[in-house]
């Protein structure tokens, strides 16, 4: 997804990350441990969020599933 120079940076929380990727929380954190998923930004002592551009880039980088 191309980013327009006028588009502000947007942060998304875990429920939206799960919705966009179709992954479960445990899968996201497991993939992060192994370097296969973007790391979130710390918002506070108990809050994190991901850059929407990082998630979109990760989705775009996934290989397309061959049609059956």
N, C-alpha and C. Protein backbone atom coordinates (compact mmCIF):
# COMPACT_ATOMS: atom_id res chain seq x y z
N UNK A 1 0.85 -1.17 0.00
CA UNK A 1 0.00 0.00 0.00
C UNK A 1 0.89 1.23 0.00
N UNK A 2 0.75 2.11 -0.97
CA UNK A 2 1.57 3.30 -1.08
C UNK A 2 1.14 4.33 -0.03
N UNK A 3 2.14 5.00 0.53
CA UNK A 3 1.85 6.00 1.56
C UNK A 3 1.95 7.38 0.93
N UNK A 4 0.90 8.14 1.02
CA UNK A 4 0.86 9.51 0.53
C UNK A 4 1.65 10.39 1.49
N UNK A 5 2.34 11.39 0.97
CA UNK A 5 3.14 12.29 1.81
C UNK A 5 2.26 13.05 2.82
N UNK A 6 0.97 13.17 2.53
CA UNK A 6 0.08 13.91 3.41
C UNK A 6 -0.67 13.00 4.39
N UNK A 7 -0.46 11.70 4.30
CA UNK A 7 -1.14 10.77 5.19
C UNK A 7 -0.42 10.72 6.53
N UNK A 8 -1.10 11.03 7.61
CA UNK A 8 -0.44 11.00 8.92
C UNK A 8 -0.15 9.56 9.35
N UNK A 9 0.86 9.42 10.19
CA UNK A 9 1.19 8.11 10.75
C UNK A 9 0.06 7.72 11.69
N UNK A 10 -0.36 6.45 11.58
CA UNK A 10 -1.46 5.99 12.42
C UNK A 10 -1.01 4.76 13.18
N UNK A 11 -1.38 4.69 14.44
CA UNK A 11 -1.08 3.55 15.28
C UNK A 11 -2.34 2.72 15.46
N UNK A 12 -2.17 1.40 15.48
CA UNK A 12 -3.31 0.51 15.71
C UNK A 12 -2.97 -0.44 16.85
N UNK A 13 -3.99 -0.77 17.61
CA UNK A 13 -3.82 -1.66 18.75
C UNK A 13 -4.02 -3.11 18.31
N UNK A 14 -3.76 -4.04 19.21
CA UNK A 14 -3.78 -5.47 18.91
C UNK A 14 -5.08 -5.96 18.27
N UNK A 15 -6.26 -5.57 18.74
CA UNK A 15 -7.48 -6.09 18.08
C UNK A 15 -7.53 -5.78 16.58
N UNK A 16 -7.09 -4.59 16.18
CA UNK A 16 -7.10 -4.26 14.75
C UNK A 16 -5.99 -5.00 14.00
N UNK A 17 -4.84 -5.19 14.65
CA UNK A 17 -3.75 -5.97 14.03
C UNK A 17 -4.25 -7.38 13.76
N UNK A 18 -4.92 -7.98 14.74
CA UNK A 18 -5.46 -9.33 14.57
C UNK A 18 -6.48 -9.37 13.43
N UNK A 19 -7.32 -8.37 13.36
CA UNK A 19 -8.34 -8.29 12.31
C UNK A 19 -7.70 -8.16 10.93
N UNK A 20 -6.71 -7.30 10.80
CA UNK A 20 -6.05 -7.06 9.51
C UNK A 20 -5.26 -8.28 9.03
N UNK A 21 -4.62 -8.99 9.97
CA UNK A 21 -3.74 -10.08 9.59
C UNK A 21 -4.41 -11.45 9.61
N UNK A 22 -5.46 -11.58 10.40
CA UNK A 22 -6.10 -12.89 10.56
C UNK A 22 -5.33 -13.80 11.50
N UNK A 23 -4.38 -13.24 12.23
CA UNK A 23 -3.56 -14.03 13.15
C UNK A 23 -4.07 -13.89 14.59
N UNK A 24 -3.80 -14.90 15.38
CA UNK A 24 -4.13 -14.86 16.80
C UNK A 24 -3.01 -14.13 17.55
N UNK A 25 -3.33 -13.65 18.74
CA UNK A 25 -2.36 -12.95 19.56
C UNK A 25 -1.09 -13.78 19.76
N UNK A 26 -1.26 -15.05 20.09
CA UNK A 26 -0.10 -15.90 20.34
C UNK A 26 0.78 -16.05 19.10
N UNK A 27 0.18 -16.12 17.92
CA UNK A 27 0.94 -16.23 16.68
C UNK A 27 1.72 -14.94 16.41
N UNK A 28 1.10 -13.81 16.65
CA UNK A 28 1.77 -12.52 16.44
C UNK A 28 3.00 -12.42 17.33
N UNK A 29 2.84 -12.70 18.61
CA UNK A 29 3.96 -12.58 19.54
C UNK A 29 5.03 -13.64 19.28
N UNK A 30 4.65 -14.82 18.87
CA UNK A 30 5.62 -15.87 18.53
C UNK A 30 6.44 -15.44 17.31
N UNK A 31 5.76 -14.89 16.30
CA UNK A 31 6.46 -14.43 15.10
C UNK A 31 7.38 -13.25 15.42
N UNK A 32 6.97 -12.38 16.33
CA UNK A 32 7.82 -11.25 16.73
C UNK A 32 9.10 -11.76 17.38
N UNK A 33 9.01 -12.79 18.20
CA UNK A 33 10.18 -13.37 18.86
C UNK A 33 11.23 -13.82 17.86
N UNK A 34 10.77 -14.32 16.72
CA UNK A 34 11.66 -14.87 15.70
C UNK A 34 11.97 -13.87 14.58
N UNK A 35 11.54 -12.63 14.75
CA UNK A 35 11.83 -11.60 13.77
C UNK A 35 10.96 -11.62 12.54
N UNK A 36 9.84 -12.35 12.59
CA UNK A 36 8.99 -12.49 11.42
C UNK A 36 7.76 -11.60 11.42
N UNK A 37 7.68 -10.66 12.38
CA UNK A 37 6.54 -9.77 12.44
C UNK A 37 7.00 -8.45 13.04
N UNK A 38 6.44 -7.32 12.59
CA UNK A 38 6.86 -6.02 13.11
C UNK A 38 6.66 -5.90 14.62
N UNK A 39 7.57 -5.20 15.25
CA UNK A 39 7.47 -4.96 16.69
C UNK A 39 6.60 -3.73 16.93
N UNK A 40 5.85 -3.74 18.02
CA UNK A 40 5.01 -2.58 18.34
C UNK A 40 5.83 -1.45 18.96
N UNK A 41 5.20 -0.29 19.04
CA UNK A 41 5.78 0.87 19.73
C UNK A 41 5.17 0.93 21.11
N UNK A 42 5.97 1.27 22.09
CA UNK A 42 5.49 1.37 23.46
C UNK A 42 4.78 2.71 23.65
N UNK A 43 3.54 2.65 24.11
CA UNK A 43 2.77 3.86 24.36
C UNK A 43 2.79 4.26 25.82
N UNK A 44 2.96 3.30 26.68
CA UNK A 44 2.97 3.54 28.12
C UNK A 44 3.43 2.28 28.82
N UNK A 45 3.33 2.24 30.14
CA UNK A 45 3.80 1.09 30.89
C UNK A 45 3.14 -0.23 30.48
N UNK A 46 1.87 -0.17 30.07
CA UNK A 46 1.15 -1.40 29.73
C UNK A 46 0.41 -1.31 28.40
N UNK A 47 0.88 -0.45 27.52
CA UNK A 47 0.18 -0.27 26.25
C UNK A 47 1.17 -0.20 25.09
N UNK A 48 0.86 -0.95 24.03
CA UNK A 48 1.66 -0.92 22.81
C UNK A 48 0.73 -0.77 21.62
N UNK A 49 1.30 -0.32 20.51
CA UNK A 49 0.54 -0.21 19.26
C UNK A 49 1.52 -0.35 18.11
N UNK A 50 1.00 -0.75 16.97
CA UNK A 50 1.80 -0.95 15.77
C UNK A 50 1.54 0.19 14.80
N UNK A 51 2.56 0.55 14.03
CA UNK A 51 2.36 1.49 12.94
C UNK A 51 1.55 0.77 11.86
N UNK A 52 0.50 1.38 11.39
CA UNK A 52 -0.33 0.75 10.37
C UNK A 52 0.50 0.50 9.11
N UNK A 53 1.45 1.37 8.83
CA UNK A 53 2.31 1.18 7.65
C UNK A 53 3.18 -0.07 7.79
N UNK A 54 3.66 -0.37 9.01
CA UNK A 54 4.44 -1.60 9.23
C UNK A 54 3.58 -2.84 8.99
N UNK A 55 2.34 -2.80 9.46
CA UNK A 55 1.45 -3.95 9.28
C UNK A 55 1.08 -4.11 7.81
N UNK A 56 0.77 -2.99 7.14
CA UNK A 56 0.45 -3.06 5.71
C UNK A 56 1.63 -3.60 4.91
N UNK A 57 2.84 -3.15 5.24
CA UNK A 57 4.03 -3.64 4.54
C UNK A 57 4.21 -5.15 4.79
N UNK A 58 4.00 -5.59 6.02
CA UNK A 58 4.13 -7.02 6.33
C UNK A 58 3.12 -7.83 5.52
N UNK A 59 1.88 -7.35 5.46
CA UNK A 59 0.84 -8.05 4.69
C UNK A 59 1.22 -8.11 3.21
N UNK A 60 1.69 -6.98 2.67
CA UNK A 60 2.08 -6.92 1.25
C UNK A 60 3.26 -7.82 0.94
N UNK A 61 4.11 -8.10 1.94
CA UNK A 61 5.29 -8.92 1.71
C UNK A 61 5.02 -10.42 1.76
N UNK A 62 3.82 -10.79 2.20
CA UNK A 62 3.48 -12.22 2.29
C UNK A 62 3.31 -12.78 0.88
N UNK A 63 3.78 -13.98 0.63
CA UNK A 63 3.59 -14.58 -0.69
C UNK A 63 2.10 -14.83 -0.96
N UNK A 64 1.72 -14.62 -2.19
CA UNK A 64 0.33 -14.86 -2.58
C UNK A 64 0.06 -16.37 -2.55
N UNK A 65 -1.10 -16.73 -2.06
CA UNK A 65 -1.49 -18.14 -2.02
C UNK A 65 -1.88 -18.56 -3.44
N UNK A 66 -1.28 -19.65 -3.92
CA UNK A 66 -1.65 -20.10 -5.27
C UNK A 66 -3.12 -20.53 -5.34
N UNK A 67 -3.77 -20.17 -6.42
CA UNK A 67 -5.18 -20.57 -6.56
C UNK A 67 -5.27 -22.04 -6.90
N UNK A 68 -6.28 -22.67 -6.38
CA UNK A 68 -6.46 -24.12 -6.58
C UNK A 68 -7.36 -24.38 -7.75
